[in-house]
Amino acid sequence: MSRTSAKYRNFVAEPMGQKSVTELAGVGETLGGRLTEAGFDKAYTVLGQYLILKKDEELFKEWMKDVCNASSKQASDCYHCLNDWCEEFM
């Protein structure tokens, strides 16, 4: 399962700090560029949107599709990465 990728494990294993948006699971250079253009250059800014959407999976995935044209898999990977990070650190 993609949630166990090295990128996912690295993100969930430590505090977020100033990590780039491209360090989120499901977000590569292309999506990262689109998110940055939309004002979401750091992982914590995407986390903020996740929290604004009240951690709702469907709302977050729709937001990802709207803002950066993420695929369902990319949006799902990013959601689960943030969700699991929150369970670990919040």
PDB file of N, CA and C in Angstrom:
ATOM      1  N   MET A   1       0.836  -1.178   0.000  1.00  0.00           N
ATOM      2  CA  MET A   1       0.000   0.000   0.000  1.00  0.00           C
ATOM      3  C   MET A   1       0.887   1.249   0.000  1.00  0.00           C
ATOM      4  N   SER A   2       0.485   2.274  -0.728  1.00  0.00           N
ATOM      5  CA  SER A   2       1.316   3.460  -0.885  1.00  0.00           C
ATOM      6  C   SER A   2       1.551   4.193   0.433  1.00  0.00           C
ATOM      7  N   ARG A   3       0.671   4.000   1.410  1.00  0.00           N
ATOM      8  CA  ARG A   3       0.832   4.684   2.691  1.00  0.00           C
ATOM      9  C   ARG A   3       2.081   4.214   3.421  1.00  0.00           C
ATOM     10  N   THR A   4       2.670   3.144   2.985  1.00  0.00           N
ATOM     11  CA  THR A   4       3.879   2.658   3.632  1.00  0.00           C
ATOM     12  C   THR A   4       5.121   2.971   2.800  1.00  0.00           C
ATOM     13  N   SER A   5       5.029   3.909   1.879  1.00  0.00           N
ATOM     14  CA  SER A   5       6.190   4.294   1.084  1.00  0.00           C
ATOM     15  C   SER A   5       7.232   4.953   1.979  1.00  0.00           C
ATOM     16  N   ALA A   6       8.457   4.997   1.505  1.00  0.00           N
ATOM     17  CA  ALA A   6       9.524   5.641   2.273  1.00  0.00           C
ATOM     18  C   ALA A   6       9.196   7.115   2.507  1.00  0.00           C
ATOM     19  N   LYS A   7       8.632   7.777   1.511  1.00  0.00           N
ATOM     20  CA  LYS A   7       8.264   9.184   1.653  1.00  0.00           C
ATOM     21  C   LYS A   7       7.232   9.358   2.768  1.00  0.00           C
ATOM     22  N   TYR A   8       6.247   8.499   2.779  1.00  0.00           N
ATOM     23  CA  TYR A   8       5.209   8.530   3.819  1.00  0.00           C
ATOM     24  C   TYR A   8       5.833   8.292   5.202  1.00  0.00           C
ATOM     25  N   ARG A   9       6.629   7.231   5.326  1.00  0.00           N
ATOM     26  CA  ARG A   9       7.244   6.900   6.612  1.00  0.00           C
ATOM     27  C   ARG A   9       8.131   8.026   7.113  1.00  0.00           C
ATOM     28  N   ASN A  10       8.902   8.634   6.222  1.00  0.00           N
ATOM     29  CA  ASN A  10       9.782   9.738   6.620  1.00  0.00           C
ATOM     30  C   ASN A  10       8.983  10.931   7.121  1.00  0.00           C
ATOM     31  N   PHE A  11       7.871  11.227   6.457  1.00  0.00           N
ATOM     32  CA  PHE A  11       7.068  12.376   6.861  1.00  0.00           C
ATOM     33  C   PHE A  11       6.415  12.151   8.216  1.00  0.00           C
ATOM     34  N   VAL A  12       5.826  10.987   8.399  1.00  0.00           N
ATOM     35  CA  VAL A  12       5.063  10.696   9.616  1.00  0.00           C
ATOM     36  C   VAL A  12       5.975  10.456  10.821  1.00  0.00           C
ATOM     37  N   ALA A  13       7.249  10.191  10.581  1.00  0.00           N
ATOM     38  CA  ALA A  13       8.163   9.812  11.658  1.00  0.00           C
ATOM     39  C   ALA A  13       8.708  10.976  12.478  1.00  0.00           C
ATOM     40  N   GLU A  14       8.527  12.207  12.014  1.00  0.00           N
ATOM     41  CA  GLU A  14       9.150  13.326  12.719  1.00  0.00           C
ATOM     42  C   GLU A  14       8.294  14.579  12.641  1.00  0.00           C
ATOM     43  N   PRO A  15       8.573  15.563  13.500  1.00  0.00           N
ATOM     44  CA  PRO A  15       7.828  16.821  13.448  1.00  0.00           C
ATOM     45  C   PRO A  15       7.918  17.471  12.068  1.00  0.00           C
ATOM     46  N   MET A  16       6.903  18.246  11.731  1.00  0.00           N
ATOM     47  CA  MET A  16       6.797  18.821  10.391  1.00  0.00           C
ATOM     48  C   MET A  16       7.801  19.928  10.140  1.00  0.00           C
ATOM     49  N   GLY A  17       7.972  20.814  11.088  1.00  0.00           N
ATOM     50  CA  GLY A  17       8.916  21.914  10.912  1.00  0.00           C
ATOM     51  C   GLY A  17       8.666  22.700   9.638  1.00  0.00           C
ATOM     52  N   GLN A  18       9.712  22.932   8.890  1.00  0.00           N
ATOM     53  CA  GLN A  18       9.654  23.732   7.656  1.00  0.00           C
ATOM     54  C   GLN A  18       9.678  22.869   6.401  1.00  0.00           C
ATOM     55  N   LYS A  19       9.166  21.648   6.484  1.00  0.00           N
ATOM     56  CA  LYS A  19       9.220  20.741   5.331  1.00  0.00           C
ATOM     57  C   LYS A  19       8.494  21.342   4.127  1.00  0.00           C
ATOM     58  N   SER A  20       9.073  21.098   2.981  1.00  0.00           N
ATOM     59  CA  SER A  20       8.467  21.527   1.722  1.00  0.00           C
ATOM     60  C   SER A  20       7.192  20.735   1.463  1.00  0.00           C
ATOM     61  N   VAL A  21       6.299  21.314   0.696  1.00  0.00           N
ATOM     62  CA  VAL A  21       5.061  20.639   0.340  1.00  0.00           C
ATOM     63  C   VAL A  21       5.346  19.333  -0.419  1.00  0.00           C
ATOM     64  N   THR A  22       6.461  19.263  -1.133  1.00  0.00           N
ATOM     65  CA  THR A  22       6.791  18.060  -1.897  1.00  0.00           C
ATOM     66  C   THR A  22       7.220  16.891  -1.009  1.00  0.00           C
ATOM     67  N   GLU A  23       7.378  17.124   0.274  1.00  0.00           N
ATOM     68  CA  GLU A  23       7.711  16.032   1.184  1.00  0.00           C
ATOM     69  C   GLU A  23       6.475  15.266   1.649  1.00  0.00           C
ATOM     70  N   LEU A  24       5.298  15.778   1.321  1.00  0.00           N
ATOM     71  CA  LEU A  24       4.056  15.071   1.634  1.00  0.00           C
ATOM     72  C   LEU A  24       3.892  13.886   0.677  1.00  0.00           C
ATOM     73  N   ALA A  25       3.423  12.772   1.202  1.00  0.00           N
ATOM     74  CA  ALA A  25       3.135  11.622   0.350  1.00  0.00           C
ATOM     75  C   ALA A  25       2.094  12.034  -0.690  1.00  0.00           C
ATOM     76  N   GLY A  26       2.284  11.595  -1.917  1.00  0.00           N
ATOM     77  CA  GLY A  26       1.355  11.904  -2.988  1.00  0.00           C
ATOM     78  C   GLY A  26       1.650  13.202  -3.717  1.00  0.00           C
ATOM     79  N   VAL A  27       2.583  14.000  -3.199  1.00  0.00           N
ATOM     80  CA  VAL A  27       2.893  15.293  -3.811  1.00  0.00           C
ATOM     81  C   VAL A  27       4.315  15.263  -4.360  1.00  0.00           C
ATOM     82  N   GLY A  28       4.422  15.267  -5.678  1.00  0.00           N
ATOM     83  CA  GLY A  28       5.719  15.324  -6.346  1.00  0.00           C
ATOM     84  C   GLY A  28       6.017  16.737  -6.808  1.00  0.00           C
ATOM     85  N   GLU A  29       6.950  16.857  -7.724  1.00  0.00           N
ATOM     86  CA  GLU A  29       7.357  18.176  -8.202  1.00  0.00           C
ATOM     87  C   GLU A  29       6.221  18.906  -8.926  1.00  0.00           C
ATOM     88  N   THR A  30       5.465  18.200  -9.753  1.00  0.00           N
ATOM     89  CA  THR A  30       4.386  18.840 -10.513  1.00  0.00           C
ATOM     90  C   THR A  30       3.295  19.365  -9.594  1.00  0.00           C
ATOM     91  N   LEU A  31       2.762  18.494  -8.736  1.00  0.00           N
ATOM     92  CA  LEU A  31       1.723  18.944  -7.800  1.00  0.00           C
ATOM     93  C   LEU A  31       2.281  19.970  -6.827  1.00  0.00           C
ATOM     94  N   GLY A  32       3.512  19.767  -6.414  1.00  0.00           N
ATOM     95  CA  GLY A  32       4.144  20.722  -5.508  1.00  0.00           C
ATOM     96  C   GLY A  32       4.227  22.105  -6.124  1.00  0.00           C
ATOM     97  N   GLY A  33       4.550  22.165  -7.400  1.00  0.00           N
ATOM     98  CA  GLY A  33       4.596  23.444  -8.101  1.00  0.00           C
ATOM     99  C   GLY A  33       3.229  24.100  -8.161  1.00  0.00           C
ATOM    100  N   ARG A  34       2.211  23.298  -8.436  1.00  0.00           N
ATOM    101  CA  ARG A  34       0.847  23.839  -8.498  1.00  0.00           C
ATOM    102  C   ARG A  34       0.390  24.330  -7.121  1.00  0.00           C
ATOM    103  N   LEU A  35       0.707  23.561  -6.087  1.00  0.00           N
ATOM    104  CA  LEU A  35       0.341  23.983  -4.730  1.00  0.00           C
ATOM    105  C   LEU A  35       1.082  25.257  -4.344  1.00  0.00           C
ATOM    106  N   THR A  36       2.349  25.336  -4.683  1.00  0.00           N
ATOM    107  CA  THR A  36       3.142  26.523  -4.384  1.00  0.00           C
ATOM    108  C   THR A  36       2.554  27.749  -5.069  1.00  0.00           C
ATOM    109  N   GLU A  37       2.168  27.598  -6.337  1.00  0.00           N
ATOM    110  CA  GLU A  37       1.547  28.704  -7.066  1.00  0.00           C
ATOM    111  C   GLU A  37       0.260  29.163  -6.392  1.00  0.00           C
ATOM    112  N   ALA A  38      -0.438  28.219  -5.743  1.00  0.00           N
ATOM    113  CA  ALA A  38      -1.690  28.539  -5.058  1.00  0.00           C
ATOM    114  C   ALA A  38      -1.449  29.051  -3.636  1.00  0.00           C
ATOM    115  N   GLY A  39      -0.175  29.167  -3.232  1.00  0.00           N
ATOM    116  CA  GLY A  39       0.147  29.703  -1.915  1.00  0.00           C
ATOM    117  C   GLY A  39       0.426  28.660  -0.846  1.00  0.00           C
ATOM    118  N   PHE A  40       0.523  27.401  -1.238  1.00  0.00           N
ATOM    119  CA  PHE A  40       0.761  26.305  -0.288  1.00  0.00           C
ATOM    120  C   PHE A  40       2.158  25.726  -0.537  1.00  0.00           C
ATOM    121  N   ASP A  41       3.185  26.460  -0.108  1.00  0.00           N
ATOM    122  CA  ASP A  41       4.560  26.048  -0.393  1.00  0.00           C
ATOM    123  C   ASP A  41       5.170  25.154   0.673  1.00  0.00           C
ATOM    124  N   LYS A  42       4.604  25.156   1.852  1.00  0.00           N
ATOM    125  CA  LYS A  42       5.112  24.326   2.952  1.00  0.00           C
ATOM    126  C   LYS A  42       4.075  23.291   3.344  1.00  0.00           C
ATOM    127  N   ALA A  43       4.551  22.179   3.878  1.00  0.00           N
ATOM    128  CA  ALA A  43       3.634  21.118   4.303  1.00  0.00           C
ATOM    129  C   ALA A  43       2.661  21.633   5.355  1.00  0.00           C
ATOM    130  N   TYR A  44       3.127  22.531   6.236  1.00  0.00           N
ATOM    131  CA  TYR A  44       2.235  23.027   7.288  1.00  0.00           C
ATOM    132  C   TYR A  44       1.092  23.865   6.734  1.00  0.00           C
ATOM    133  N   THR A  45       1.252  24.478   5.546  1.00  0.00           N
ATOM    134  CA  THR A  45       0.134  25.231   4.972  1.00  0.00           C
ATOM    135  C   THR A  45      -0.945  24.282   4.452  1.00  0.00           C
ATOM    136  N   VAL A  46      -0.509  23.138   3.927  1.00  0.00           N
ATOM    137  CA  VAL A  46      -1.480  22.118   3.497  1.00  0.00           C
ATOM    138  C   VAL A  46      -2.147  21.508   4.735  1.00  0.00           C
ATOM    139  N   LEU A  47      -1.375  21.301   5.796  1.00  0.00           N
ATOM    140  CA  LEU A  47      -1.950  20.833   7.058  1.00  0.00           C
ATOM    141  C   LEU A  47      -3.018  21.811   7.549  1.00  0.00           C
ATOM    142  N   GLY A  48      -2.753  23.091   7.432  1.00  0.00           N
ATOM    143  CA  GLY A  48      -3.736  24.093   7.837  1.00  0.00           C
ATOM    144  C   GLY A  48      -5.044  23.942   7.077  1.00  0.00           C
ATOM    145  N   GLN A  49      -4.956  23.706   5.777  1.00  0.00           N
ATOM    146  CA  GLN A  49      -6.161  23.512   4.980  1.00  0.00           C
ATOM    147  C   GLN A  49      -6.882  22.232   5.398  1.00  0.00           C
ATOM    148  N   TYR A  50      -6.104  21.191   5.665  1.00  0.00           N
ATOM    149  CA  TYR A  50      -6.660  19.926   6.150  1.00  0.00           C
ATOM    150  C   TYR A  50      -7.454  20.153   7.441  1.00  0.00           C
ATOM    151  N   LEU A  51      -6.898  20.966   8.335  1.00  0.00           N
ATOM    152  CA  LEU A  51      -7.574  21.256   9.602  1.00  0.00           C
ATOM    153  C   LEU A  51      -8.798  22.158   9.389  1.00  0.00           C
ATOM    154  N   ILE A  52      -8.687  23.138   8.492  1.00  0.00           N
ATOM    155  CA  ILE A  52      -9.829  24.003   8.180  1.00  0.00           C
ATOM    156  C   ILE A  52     -11.001  23.167   7.666  1.00  0.00           C
ATOM    157  N   LEU A  53     -10.680  22.129   6.905  1.00  0.00           N
ATOM    158  CA  LEU A  53     -11.714  21.237   6.361  1.00  0.00           C
ATOM    159  C   LEU A  53     -12.125  20.174   7.374  1.00  0.00           C
ATOM    160  N   LYS A  54     -11.729  20.368   8.626  1.00  0.00           N
ATOM    161  CA  LYS A  54     -12.109  19.520   9.757  1.00  0.00           C
ATOM    162  C   LYS A  54     -11.720  18.059   9.578  1.00  0.00           C
ATOM    163  N   LYS A  55     -10.577  17.846   8.933  1.00  0.00           N
ATOM    164  CA  LYS A  55     -10.013  16.505   8.734  1.00  0.00           C
ATOM    165  C   LYS A  55     -10.940  15.596   7.922  1.00  0.00           C
ATOM    166  N   ASP A  56     -11.857  16.182   7.176  1.00  0.00           N
ATOM    167  CA  ASP A  56     -12.811  15.418   6.372  1.00  0.00           C
ATOM    168  C   ASP A  56     -12.133  14.908   5.097  1.00  0.00           C
ATOM    169  N   GLU A  57     -12.089  13.604   4.947  1.00  0.00           N
ATOM    170  CA  GLU A  57     -11.355  12.993   3.834  1.00  0.00           C
ATOM    171  C   GLU A  57     -11.892  13.431   2.478  1.00  0.00           C
ATOM    172  N   GLU A  58     -13.187  13.361   2.287  1.00  0.00           N
ATOM    173  CA  GLU A  58     -13.759  13.712   0.981  1.00  0.00           C
ATOM    174  C   GLU A  58     -13.562  15.188   0.648  1.00  0.00           C
ATOM    175  N   LEU A  59     -13.783  16.063   1.627  1.00  0.00           N
ATOM    176  CA  LEU A  59     -13.576  17.493   1.384  1.00  0.00           C
ATOM    177  C   LEU A  59     -12.121  17.792   1.048  1.00  0.00           C
ATOM    178  N   PHE A  60     -11.191  17.156   1.768  1.00  0.00           N
ATOM    179  CA  PHE A  60      -9.773  17.398   1.510  1.00  0.00           C
ATOM    180  C   PHE A  60      -9.374  16.905   0.125  1.00  0.00           C
ATOM    181  N   LYS A  61      -9.834  15.720  -0.237  1.00  0.00           N
ATOM    182  CA  LYS A  61      -9.479  15.176  -1.551  1.00  0.00           C
ATOM    183  C   LYS A  61     -10.066  16.036  -2.671  1.00  0.00           C
ATOM    184  N   GLU A  62     -11.270  16.533  -2.497  1.00  0.00           N
ATOM    185  CA  GLU A  62     -11.854  17.437  -3.489  1.00  0.00           C
ATOM    186  C   GLU A  62     -11.056  18.731  -3.580  1.00  0.00           C
ATOM    187  N   TRP A  63     -10.620  19.248  -2.439  1.00  0.00           N
ATOM    188  CA  TRP A  63      -9.798  20.451  -2.427  1.00  0.00           C
ATOM    189  C   TRP A  63      -8.499  20.218  -3.192  1.00  0.00           C
ATOM    190  N   MET A  64      -7.853  19.082  -2.960  1.00  0.00           N
ATOM    191  CA  MET A  64      -6.612  18.749  -3.674  1.00  0.00           C
ATOM    192  C   MET A  64      -6.850  18.689  -5.182  1.00  0.00           C
ATOM    193  N   LYS A  65      -7.950  18.095  -5.578  1.00  0.00           N
ATOM    194  CA  LYS A  65      -8.270  17.998  -7.011  1.00  0.00           C
ATOM    195  C   LYS A  65      -8.504  19.385  -7.594  1.00  0.00           C
ATOM    196  N   ASP A  66      -9.208  20.232  -6.861  1.00  0.00           N
ATOM    197  CA  ASP A  66      -9.520  21.580  -7.346  1.00  0.00           C
ATOM    198  C   ASP A  66      -8.291  22.475  -7.404  1.00  0.00           C
ATOM    199  N   VAL A  67      -7.465  22.436  -6.374  1.00  0.00           N
ATOM    200  CA  VAL A  67      -6.345  23.367  -6.265  1.00  0.00           C
ATOM    201  C   VAL A  67      -5.164  22.981  -7.147  1.00  0.00           C
ATOM    202  N   CYS A  68      -4.855  21.686  -7.213  1.00  0.00           N
ATOM    203  CA  CYS A  68      -3.642  21.302  -7.950  1.00  0.00           C
ATOM    204  C   CYS A  68      -3.862  20.174  -8.944  1.00  0.00           C
ATOM    205  N   ASN A  69      -5.128  19.861  -9.213  1.00  0.00           N
ATOM    206  CA  ASN A  69      -5.457  18.828 -10.193  1.00  0.00           C
ATOM    207  C   ASN A  69      -4.871  17.462  -9.814  1.00  0.00           C
ATOM    208  N   ALA A  70      -4.893  17.160  -8.514  1.00  0.00           N
ATOM    209  CA  ALA A  70      -4.381  15.881  -8.022  1.00  0.00           C
ATOM    210  C   ALA A  70      -5.308  14.744  -8.467  1.00  0.00           C
ATOM    211  N   SER A  71      -4.731  13.601  -8.713  1.00  0.00           N
ATOM    212  CA  SER A  71      -5.538  12.408  -8.995  1.00  0.00           C
ATOM    213  C   SER A  71      -6.141  11.910  -7.682  1.00  0.00           C
ATOM    214  N   SER A  72      -7.077  10.995  -7.781  1.00  0.00           N
ATOM    215  CA  SER A  72      -7.682  10.431  -6.570  1.00  0.00           C
ATOM    216  C   SER A  72      -6.628   9.775  -5.691  1.00  0.00           C
ATOM    217  N   LYS A  73      -5.687   9.047  -6.302  1.00  0.00           N
ATOM    218  CA  LYS A  73      -4.636   8.370  -5.538  1.00  0.00           C
ATOM    219  C   LYS A  73      -3.711   9.380  -4.860  1.00  0.00           C
ATOM    220  N   GLN A  74      -3.306  10.410  -5.576  1.00  0.00           N
ATOM    221  CA  GLN A  74      -2.419  11.419  -4.997  1.00  0.00           C
ATOM    222  C   GLN A  74      -3.100  12.127  -3.824  1.00  0.00           C
ATOM    223  N   ALA A  75      -4.364  12.496  -4.016  1.00  0.00           N
ATOM    224  CA  ALA A  75      -5.109  13.173  -2.956  1.00  0.00           C
ATOM    225  C   ALA A  75      -5.286  12.264  -1.749  1.00  0.00           C
ATOM    226  N   SER A  76      -5.556  10.994  -1.998  1.00  0.00           N
ATOM    227  CA  SER A  76      -5.729  10.036  -0.917  1.00  0.00           C
ATOM    228  C   SER A  76      -4.420   9.825  -0.161  1.00  0.00           C
ATOM    229  N   ASP A  77      -3.322   9.685  -0.882  1.00  0.00           N
ATOM    230  CA  ASP A  77      -2.015   9.518  -0.236  1.00  0.00           C
ATOM    231  C   ASP A  77      -1.689  10.714   0.652  1.00  0.00           C
ATOM    232  N   CYS A  78      -1.952  11.920   0.162  1.00  0.00           N
ATOM    233  CA  CYS A  78      -1.673  13.121   0.927  1.00  0.00           C
ATOM    234  C   CYS A  78      -2.572  13.185   2.165  1.00  0.00           C
ATOM    235  N   TYR A  79      -3.847  12.887   1.992  1.00  0.00           N
ATOM    236  CA  TYR A  79      -4.776  12.893   3.124  1.00  0.00           C
ATOM    237  C   TYR A  79      -4.302  11.938   4.212  1.00  0.00           C
ATOM    238  N   HIS A  80      -3.989  10.710   3.843  1.00  0.00           N
ATOM    239  CA  HIS A  80      -3.593   9.713   4.842  1.00  0.00           C
ATOM    240  C   HIS A  80      -2.268  10.086   5.511  1.00  0.00           C
ATOM    241  N   CYS A  81      -1.379  10.690   4.766  1.00  0.00           N
ATOM    242  CA  CYS A  81      -0.112  11.149   5.327  1.00  0.00           C
ATOM    243  C   CYS A  81      -0.374  12.197   6.416  1.00  0.00           C
ATOM    244  N   LEU A  82      -1.195  13.195   6.110  1.00  0.00           N
ATOM    245  CA  LEU A  82      -1.511  14.236   7.091  1.00  0.00           C
ATOM    246  C   LEU A  82      -2.314  13.682   8.264  1.00  0.00           C
ATOM    247  N   ASN A  83      -3.268  12.827   7.973  1.00  0.00           N
ATOM    248  CA  ASN A  83      -4.099  12.242   9.016  1.00  0.00           C
ATOM    249  C   ASN A  83      -3.248  11.438  10.010  1.00  0.00           C
ATOM    250  N   ASP A  84      -2.366  10.625   9.486  1.00  0.00           N
ATOM    251  CA  ASP A  84      -1.515   9.816  10.358  1.00  0.00           C
ATOM    252  C   ASP A  84      -0.495  10.680  11.104  1.00  0.00           C
ATOM    253  N   TRP A  85       0.003  11.737  10.452  1.00  0.00           N
ATOM    254  CA  TRP A  85       0.912  12.648  11.140  1.00  0.00           C
ATOM    255  C   TRP A  85       0.188  13.291  12.328  1.00  0.00           C
ATOM    256  N   CYS A  86      -1.041  13.727  12.108  1.00  0.00           N
ATOM    257  CA  CYS A  86      -1.830  14.338  13.197  1.00  0.00           C
ATOM    258  C   CYS A  86      -2.058  13.370  14.356  1.00  0.00           C
ATOM    259  N   GLU A  87      -2.328  12.136  14.041  1.00  0.00           N
ATOM    260  CA  GLU A  87      -2.529  11.144  15.102  1.00  0.00           C
ATOM    261  C   GLU A  87      -1.247  10.945  15.909  1.00  0.00           C
ATOM    262  N   GLU A  88      -0.121  11.088  15.268  1.00  0.00           N
ATOM    263  CA  GLU A  88       1.164  10.906  15.948  1.00  0.00           C
ATOM    264  C   GLU A  88       1.580  12.125  16.757  1.00  0.00           C
ATOM    265  N   PHE A  89       1.323  13.326  16.254  1.00  0.00           N
ATOM    266  CA  PHE A  89       1.890  14.534  16.850  1.00  0.00           C
ATOM    267  C   PHE A  89       0.888  15.518  17.450  1.00  0.00           C
ATOM    268  N   MET A  90      -0.397  15.313  17.278  1.00  0.00           N
ATOM    269  CA  MET A  90      -1.362  16.281  17.816  1.00  0.00           C
ATOM    270  C   MET A  90      -2.209  15.653  18.902  1.00  0.00           C
TER     271      MET A  90
END
